[in-house]
Amino acid sequence: MWKFYALLSALFAALTAIFAKIGVANVNAHLATAIRTTVVLLLAWGIVFASGHAGELKGVGARTWIFLILSGLATGLSWIFYFHALQTGEASRVAPIDKLSVVFTILLAFLILREPLTPRVILGGMLIAAGSIVMIIR
């Protein structure tokens, strides 16, 4: 089932790039990020309340809070830089370069989480990196 969710994530990430490119055309990237973040915030809390998980908030531990806050900060910075890139770059070039995050994730997962670097993972990462490099070069 995770593969299905991952494909949906990729589809919505593609839509994000297209909608964001159109949306940032005539507005400051920081303001655009704030608007987008507000929508995400409302959507996420709406899902939490609709699914009946709001009561679990009190059971979230300190370590979880720290890492979710760090993740949120990283997400916010990622979105800010992404919107700046979309304002001046082509969505069809910005989005693939942004996907270098997959390569960074592979490396960080190996270094921090001790996830294995199999030949398949290395090859996939190299192909993603090569594709991103092709998109950078004009």
N, C-alpha and C. Protein backbone atom coordinates (compact mmCIF):
# COMPACT_ATOMS: atom_id res chain seq x y z
N MET A 1 0.81 -1.20 0.00
CA MET A 1 0.00 0.00 0.00
C MET A 1 0.86 1.27 0.00
N TRP A 2 2.06 1.18 0.58
CA TRP A 2 2.92 2.36 0.65
C TRP A 2 3.30 2.86 -0.73
N LYS A 3 3.41 1.96 -1.70
CA LYS A 3 3.77 2.37 -3.06
C LYS A 3 2.66 3.21 -3.68
N PHE A 4 1.42 2.84 -3.41
CA PHE A 4 0.28 3.61 -3.90
C PHE A 4 0.30 5.02 -3.32
N TYR A 5 0.53 5.12 -2.00
CA TYR A 5 0.61 6.43 -1.35
C TYR A 5 1.79 7.25 -1.89
N ALA A 6 2.90 6.58 -2.15
CA ALA A 6 4.07 7.28 -2.69
C ALA A 6 3.78 7.84 -4.09
N LEU A 7 3.07 7.07 -4.90
CA LEU A 7 2.69 7.55 -6.24
C LEU A 7 1.72 8.73 -6.15
N LEU A 8 0.78 8.66 -5.22
CA LEU A 8 -0.12 9.80 -5.02
C LEU A 8 0.67 11.02 -4.56
N SER A 9 1.64 10.81 -3.68
CA SER A 9 2.49 11.90 -3.23
C SER A 9 3.22 12.55 -4.41
N ALA A 10 3.74 11.72 -5.30
CA ALA A 10 4.45 12.24 -6.48
C ALA A 10 3.50 13.03 -7.38
N LEU A 11 2.29 12.51 -7.57
CA LEU A 11 1.31 13.22 -8.40
C LEU A 11 0.97 14.58 -7.80
N PHE A 12 0.71 14.61 -6.49
CA PHE A 12 0.37 15.88 -5.87
C PHE A 12 1.57 16.82 -5.78
N ALA A 13 2.77 16.28 -5.68
CA ALA A 13 3.97 17.11 -5.73
C ALA A 13 4.10 17.77 -7.10
N ALA A 14 3.77 17.03 -8.15
CA ALA A 14 3.79 17.60 -9.50
C ALA A 14 2.76 18.71 -9.62
N LEU A 15 1.56 18.47 -9.11
CA LEU A 15 0.53 19.51 -9.14
C LEU A 15 0.95 20.72 -8.32
N THR A 16 1.65 20.47 -7.21
CA THR A 16 2.16 21.55 -6.37
C THR A 16 3.07 22.45 -7.18
N ALA A 17 3.96 21.87 -7.95
CA ALA A 17 4.90 22.66 -8.76
C ALA A 17 4.15 23.52 -9.78
N ILE A 18 3.19 22.92 -10.45
CA ILE A 18 2.46 23.66 -11.49
C ILE A 18 1.62 24.77 -10.86
N PHE A 19 0.83 24.43 -9.83
CA PHE A 19 -0.01 25.43 -9.18
C PHE A 19 0.84 26.53 -8.54
N ALA A 20 1.95 26.16 -7.91
CA ALA A 20 2.82 27.15 -7.26
C ALA A 20 3.45 28.07 -8.28
N LYS A 21 3.88 27.54 -9.41
CA LYS A 21 4.49 28.37 -10.45
C LYS A 21 3.50 29.44 -10.90
N ILE A 22 2.26 29.06 -11.09
CA ILE A 22 1.23 30.03 -11.49
C ILE A 22 0.95 30.99 -10.33
N GLY A 23 0.91 30.46 -9.11
CA GLY A 23 0.56 31.25 -7.94
C GLY A 23 1.59 32.28 -7.53
N VAL A 24 2.88 32.03 -7.78
CA VAL A 24 3.92 32.97 -7.35
C VAL A 24 4.24 34.02 -8.41
N ALA A 25 3.54 33.97 -9.52
CA ALA A 25 3.85 34.87 -10.63
C ALA A 25 3.77 36.34 -10.23
N ASN A 26 2.81 36.71 -9.39
CA ASN A 26 2.61 38.13 -9.09
C ASN A 26 2.56 38.42 -7.60
N VAL A 27 3.27 37.61 -6.80
CA VAL A 27 3.27 37.82 -5.35
C VAL A 27 4.64 37.46 -4.80
N ASN A 28 5.00 38.08 -3.70
CA ASN A 28 6.26 37.78 -3.02
C ASN A 28 6.29 36.31 -2.62
N ALA A 29 7.44 35.67 -2.79
CA ALA A 29 7.57 34.24 -2.49
C ALA A 29 7.30 33.93 -1.02
N HIS A 30 7.68 34.84 -0.12
CA HIS A 30 7.43 34.61 1.31
C HIS A 30 5.93 34.63 1.60
N LEU A 31 5.22 35.58 1.00
CA LEU A 31 3.78 35.66 1.18
C LEU A 31 3.10 34.42 0.60
N ALA A 32 3.56 34.01 -0.57
CA ALA A 32 3.00 32.81 -1.20
C ALA A 32 3.22 31.58 -0.32
N THR A 33 4.40 31.48 0.28
CA THR A 33 4.70 30.35 1.17
C THR A 33 3.80 30.39 2.40
N ALA A 34 3.58 31.59 2.94
CA ALA A 34 2.71 31.72 4.13
C ALA A 34 1.28 31.32 3.80
N ILE A 35 0.78 31.72 2.64
CA ILE A 35 -0.58 31.35 2.24
C ILE A 35 -0.67 29.84 2.08
N ARG A 36 0.29 29.27 1.38
CA ARG A 36 0.30 27.81 1.16
C ARG A 36 0.38 27.07 2.49
N THR A 37 1.22 27.54 3.39
CA THR A 37 1.40 26.89 4.68
C THR A 37 0.11 26.93 5.50
N THR A 38 -0.60 28.04 5.43
CA THR A 38 -1.87 28.16 6.13
C THR A 38 -2.87 27.13 5.62
N VAL A 39 -2.92 26.96 4.31
CA VAL A 39 -3.82 25.97 3.73
C VAL A 39 -3.43 24.56 4.20
N VAL A 40 -2.13 24.25 4.18
CA VAL A 40 -1.66 22.94 4.64
C VAL A 40 -2.01 22.74 6.11
N LEU A 41 -1.80 23.76 6.92
CA LEU A 41 -2.11 23.70 8.35
C LEU A 41 -3.59 23.37 8.57
N LEU A 42 -4.46 24.10 7.89
CA LEU A 42 -5.91 23.87 8.05
C LEU A 42 -6.30 22.47 7.57
N LEU A 43 -5.73 22.05 6.45
CA LEU A 43 -6.03 20.71 5.92
C LEU A 43 -5.58 19.63 6.90
N ALA A 44 -4.35 19.75 7.40
CA ALA A 44 -3.80 18.73 8.30
C ALA A 44 -4.62 18.64 9.59
N TRP A 45 -4.92 19.78 10.22
CA TRP A 45 -5.71 19.74 11.45
C TRP A 45 -7.13 19.26 11.18
N GLY A 46 -7.68 19.62 10.03
CA GLY A 46 -9.01 19.12 9.66
C GLY A 46 -9.04 17.60 9.58
N ILE A 47 -8.00 17.02 9.00
CA ILE A 47 -7.90 15.56 8.91
C ILE A 47 -7.75 14.94 10.29
N VAL A 48 -6.92 15.56 11.15
CA VAL A 48 -6.72 15.05 12.51
C VAL A 48 -8.05 15.02 13.27
N PHE A 49 -8.79 16.13 13.21
CA PHE A 49 -10.07 16.19 13.94
C PHE A 49 -11.11 15.27 13.31
N ALA A 50 -11.17 15.22 11.98
CA ALA A 50 -12.16 14.38 11.31
C ALA A 50 -11.91 12.89 11.56
N SER A 51 -10.65 12.53 11.72
CA SER A 51 -10.32 11.11 11.94
C SER A 51 -10.29 10.73 13.42
N GLY A 52 -10.54 11.70 14.30
CA GLY A 52 -10.63 11.41 15.73
C GLY A 52 -9.30 11.21 16.44
N HIS A 53 -8.23 11.80 15.93
CA HIS A 53 -6.91 11.60 16.54
C HIS A 53 -6.43 12.80 17.38
N ALA A 54 -7.26 13.81 17.54
CA ALA A 54 -6.83 15.01 18.28
C ALA A 54 -6.49 14.68 19.73
N GLY A 55 -7.17 13.71 20.32
CA GLY A 55 -6.91 13.34 21.71
C GLY A 55 -5.53 12.76 21.94
N GLU A 56 -4.89 12.30 20.89
CA GLU A 56 -3.56 11.70 21.02
C GLU A 56 -2.47 12.74 21.22
N LEU A 57 -2.80 14.02 21.04
CA LEU A 57 -1.81 15.09 21.15
C LEU A 57 -1.12 15.10 22.51
N LYS A 58 -1.86 14.84 23.55
CA LYS A 58 -1.27 14.88 24.90
C LYS A 58 -0.28 13.74 25.15
N GLY A 59 -0.30 12.72 24.34
CA GLY A 59 0.61 11.59 24.50
C GLY A 59 1.90 11.70 23.70
N VAL A 60 2.07 12.81 22.99
CA VAL A 60 3.28 12.99 22.18
C VAL A 60 4.45 13.34 23.10
N GLY A 61 5.53 12.56 23.01
CA GLY A 61 6.70 12.75 23.87
C GLY A 61 7.61 13.89 23.42
N ALA A 62 8.50 14.28 24.32
CA ALA A 62 9.41 15.40 24.07
C ALA A 62 10.31 15.15 22.86
N ARG A 63 10.85 13.95 22.75
CA ARG A 63 11.73 13.64 21.61
C ARG A 63 10.97 13.76 20.29
N THR A 64 9.75 13.28 20.29
CA THR A 64 8.92 13.39 19.09
C THR A 64 8.67 14.85 18.74
N TRP A 65 8.33 15.66 19.75
CA TRP A 65 8.12 17.09 19.53
C TRP A 65 9.36 17.74 18.90
N ILE A 66 10.52 17.45 19.45
CA ILE A 66 11.76 18.05 18.96
C ILE A 66 11.97 17.73 17.48
N PHE A 67 11.84 16.45 17.13
CA PHE A 67 12.11 16.07 15.75
C PHE A 67 11.02 16.51 14.78
N LEU A 68 9.77 16.58 15.24
CA LEU A 68 8.72 17.09 14.37
C LEU A 68 8.87 18.59 14.16
N ILE A 69 9.31 19.30 15.19
CA ILE A 69 9.58 20.74 15.04
C ILE A 69 10.74 20.96 14.07
N LEU A 70 11.81 20.19 14.23
CA LEU A 70 12.93 20.30 13.29
C LEU A 70 12.49 19.98 11.86
N SER A 71 11.66 18.95 11.71
CA SER A 71 11.13 18.61 10.40
C SER A 71 10.29 19.75 9.83
N GLY A 72 9.48 20.37 10.67
CA GLY A 72 8.67 21.50 10.23
C GLY A 72 9.52 22.68 9.79
N LEU A 73 10.59 22.96 10.54
CA LEU A 73 11.50 24.04 10.15
C LEU A 73 12.16 23.74 8.80
N ALA A 74 12.60 22.50 8.63
CA ALA A 74 13.22 22.10 7.36
C ALA A 74 12.21 22.21 6.21
N THR A 75 10.98 21.80 6.46
CA THR A 75 9.93 21.90 5.44
C THR A 75 9.69 23.34 5.06
N GLY A 76 9.57 24.20 6.05
CA GLY A 76 9.35 25.62 5.79
C GLY A 76 10.46 26.23 4.95
N LEU A 77 11.70 25.94 5.32
CA LEU A 77 12.83 26.47 4.54
C LEU A 77 12.84 25.90 3.13
N SER A 78 12.52 24.61 3.01
CA SER A 78 12.45 23.99 1.69
C SER A 78 11.41 24.69 0.83
N TRP A 79 10.26 24.96 1.37
CA TRP A 79 9.19 25.62 0.61
C TRP A 79 9.58 27.03 0.22
N ILE A 80 10.20 27.77 1.13
CA ILE A 80 10.62 29.14 0.83
C ILE A 80 11.59 29.15 -0.35
N PHE A 81 12.61 28.28 -0.30
CA PHE A 81 13.59 28.23 -1.39
C PHE A 81 12.96 27.71 -2.68
N TYR A 82 12.04 26.78 -2.56
CA TYR A 82 11.34 26.22 -3.73
C TYR A 82 10.53 27.31 -4.43
N PHE A 83 9.80 28.11 -3.65
CA PHE A 83 9.00 29.18 -4.25
C PHE A 83 9.89 30.23 -4.90
N HIS A 84 11.03 30.54 -4.28
CA HIS A 84 11.96 31.48 -4.91
C HIS A 84 12.48 30.92 -6.24
N ALA A 85 12.81 29.64 -6.25
CA ALA A 85 13.28 29.02 -7.49
C ALA A 85 12.19 29.04 -8.56
N LEU A 86 10.95 28.77 -8.16
CA LEU A 86 9.84 28.76 -9.13
C LEU A 86 9.55 30.15 -9.68
N GLN A 87 9.77 31.19 -8.88
CA GLN A 87 9.51 32.55 -9.37
C GLN A 87 10.39 32.90 -10.56
N THR A 88 11.60 32.40 -10.55
CA THR A 88 12.54 32.80 -11.60
C THR A 88 12.89 31.68 -12.57
N GLY A 89 12.58 30.45 -12.21
CA GLY A 89 12.95 29.32 -13.06
C GLY A 89 11.73 28.64 -13.66
N GLU A 90 11.98 27.75 -14.58
CA GLU A 90 10.92 26.98 -15.22
C GLU A 90 10.54 25.82 -14.30
N ALA A 91 9.25 25.61 -14.11
CA ALA A 91 8.77 24.54 -13.23
C ALA A 91 9.30 23.18 -13.69
N SER A 92 9.41 22.99 -14.99
CA SER A 92 9.88 21.71 -15.52
C SER A 92 11.36 21.47 -15.25
N ARG A 93 12.09 22.52 -14.85
CA ARG A 93 13.49 22.37 -14.48
C ARG A 93 13.68 22.43 -12.97
N VAL A 94 12.89 23.27 -12.30
CA VAL A 94 13.02 23.42 -10.85
C VAL A 94 12.63 22.12 -10.14
N ALA A 95 11.50 21.54 -10.53
CA ALA A 95 11.00 20.35 -9.83
C ALA A 95 11.99 19.18 -9.88
N PRO A 96 12.57 18.85 -11.04
CA PRO A 96 13.54 17.74 -11.04
C PRO A 96 14.78 18.03 -10.20
N ILE A 97 15.23 19.28 -10.19
CA ILE A 97 16.38 19.63 -9.37
C ILE A 97 16.02 19.49 -7.89
N ASP A 98 14.82 19.90 -7.55
CA ASP A 98 14.32 19.75 -6.18
C ASP A 98 14.34 18.29 -5.75
N LYS A 99 14.20 17.39 -6.70
CA LYS A 99 14.17 15.96 -6.38
C LYS A 99 15.56 15.42 -6.04
N LEU A 100 16.57 16.27 -6.10
CA LEU A 100 17.87 15.88 -5.55
C LEU A 100 17.73 15.59 -4.05
N SER A 101 16.61 16.03 -3.48
CA SER A 101 16.34 15.72 -2.08
C SER A 101 16.33 14.21 -1.86
N VAL A 102 15.98 13.45 -2.88
CA VAL A 102 16.00 11.99 -2.77
C VAL A 102 17.44 11.51 -2.55
N VAL A 103 18.36 12.07 -3.30
CA VAL A 103 19.77 11.70 -3.17
C VAL A 103 20.28 12.10 -1.79
N PHE A 104 19.94 13.31 -1.35
CA PHE A 104 20.35 13.76 -0.01
C PHE A 104 19.74 12.85 1.06
N THR A 105 18.49 12.43 0.86
CA THR A 105 17.82 11.55 1.82
C THR A 105 18.54 10.21 1.90
N ILE A 106 18.92 9.67 0.75
CA ILE A 106 19.65 8.39 0.74
C ILE A 106 20.94 8.52 1.55
N LEU A 107 21.68 9.59 1.31
CA LEU A 107 22.96 9.79 2.02
C LEU A 107 22.73 10.00 3.52
N LEU A 108 21.77 10.85 3.87
CA LEU A 108 21.52 11.11 5.29
C LEU A 108 20.93 9.90 5.99
N ALA A 109 20.10 9.12 5.29
CA ALA A 109 19.55 7.90 5.89
C ALA A 109 20.66 6.89 6.19
N PHE A 110 21.66 6.85 5.31
CA PHE A 110 22.81 5.98 5.54
C PHE A 110 23.63 6.47 6.73
N LEU A 111 23.92 7.78 6.76
CA LEU A 111 24.78 8.34 7.80
C LEU A 111 24.10 8.42 9.16
N ILE A 112 22.85 8.82 9.20
CA ILE A 112 22.17 9.06 10.48
C ILE A 112 21.36 7.85 10.94
N LEU A 113 20.59 7.27 10.02
CA LEU A 113 19.69 6.17 10.39
C LEU A 113 20.32 4.79 10.20
N ARG A 114 21.51 4.77 9.62
CA ARG A 114 22.22 3.51 9.36
C ARG A 114 21.45 2.58 8.42
N GLU A 115 20.69 3.18 7.49
CA GLU A 115 19.99 2.37 6.49
C GLU A 115 21.02 1.86 5.48
N PRO A 116 20.82 0.66 4.97
CA PRO A 116 21.83 0.08 4.07
C PRO A 116 21.88 0.78 2.71
N LEU A 117 23.09 0.85 2.17
CA LEU A 117 23.31 1.36 0.81
C LEU A 117 23.52 0.14 -0.09
N THR A 118 22.44 -0.33 -0.66
CA THR A 118 22.51 -1.49 -1.54
C THR A 118 22.88 -1.02 -2.94
N PRO A 119 23.36 -1.92 -3.79
CA PRO A 119 23.65 -1.53 -5.18
C PRO A 119 22.45 -0.88 -5.87
N ARG A 120 21.25 -1.38 -5.61
CA ARG A 120 20.04 -0.82 -6.21
C ARG A 120 19.81 0.62 -5.74
N VAL A 121 20.00 0.87 -4.45
CA VAL A 121 19.81 2.21 -3.90
C VAL A 121 20.86 3.17 -4.47
N ILE A 122 22.10 2.71 -4.56
CA ILE A 122 23.18 3.54 -5.11
C ILE A 122 22.90 3.87 -6.58
N LEU A 123 22.51 2.86 -7.37
CA LEU A 123 22.21 3.10 -8.78
C LEU A 123 21.03 4.06 -8.94
N GLY A 124 19.97 3.86 -8.17
CA GLY A 124 18.82 4.75 -8.25
C GLY A 124 19.20 6.18 -7.90
N GLY A 125 19.98 6.35 -6.84
CA GLY A 125 20.44 7.68 -6.45
C GLY A 125 21.30 8.33 -7.52
N MET A 126 22.16 7.53 -8.14
CA MET A 126 23.02 8.07 -9.20
C MET A 126 22.19 8.49 -10.41
N LEU A 127 21.19 7.72 -10.75
CA LEU A 127 20.33 8.07 -11.89
C LEU A 127 19.54 9.35 -11.61
N ILE A 128 19.04 9.48 -10.38
CA ILE A 128 18.33 10.71 -10.01
C ILE A 128 19.27 11.91 -10.08
N ALA A 129 20.47 11.74 -9.54
CA ALA A 129 21.47 12.82 -9.59
C ALA A 129 21.82 13.18 -11.03
N ALA A 130 22.01 12.17 -11.85
CA ALA A 130 22.33 12.43 -13.26
C ALA A 130 21.19 13.17 -13.95
N GLY A 131 19.96 12.77 -13.69
CA GLY A 131 18.81 13.46 -14.27
C GLY A 131 18.73 14.90 -13.83
N SER A 132 19.01 15.16 -12.56
CA SER A 132 18.99 16.53 -12.05
C SER A 132 20.08 17.37 -12.70
N ILE A 133 21.26 16.78 -12.88
CA ILE A 133 22.36 17.49 -13.53
C ILE A 133 22.01 17.82 -14.97
N VAL A 134 21.38 16.90 -15.66
CA VAL A 134 20.94 17.15 -17.04
C VAL A 134 19.97 18.34 -17.06
N MET A 135 19.09 18.43 -16.06
CA MET A 135 18.12 19.53 -16.03
C MET A 135 18.77 20.87 -15.70
N ILE A 136 19.90 20.85 -14.98
CA ILE A 136 20.59 22.10 -14.63
C ILE A 136 21.31 22.67 -15.83
N ILE A 137 21.93 21.80 -16.62
CA ILE A 137 22.72 22.23 -17.77
C ILE A 137 21.79 22.65 -18.90
N ARG A 138 22.07 23.77 -19.50
CA ARG A 138 21.27 24.25 -20.63
C ARG A 138 21.86 23.78 -21.92
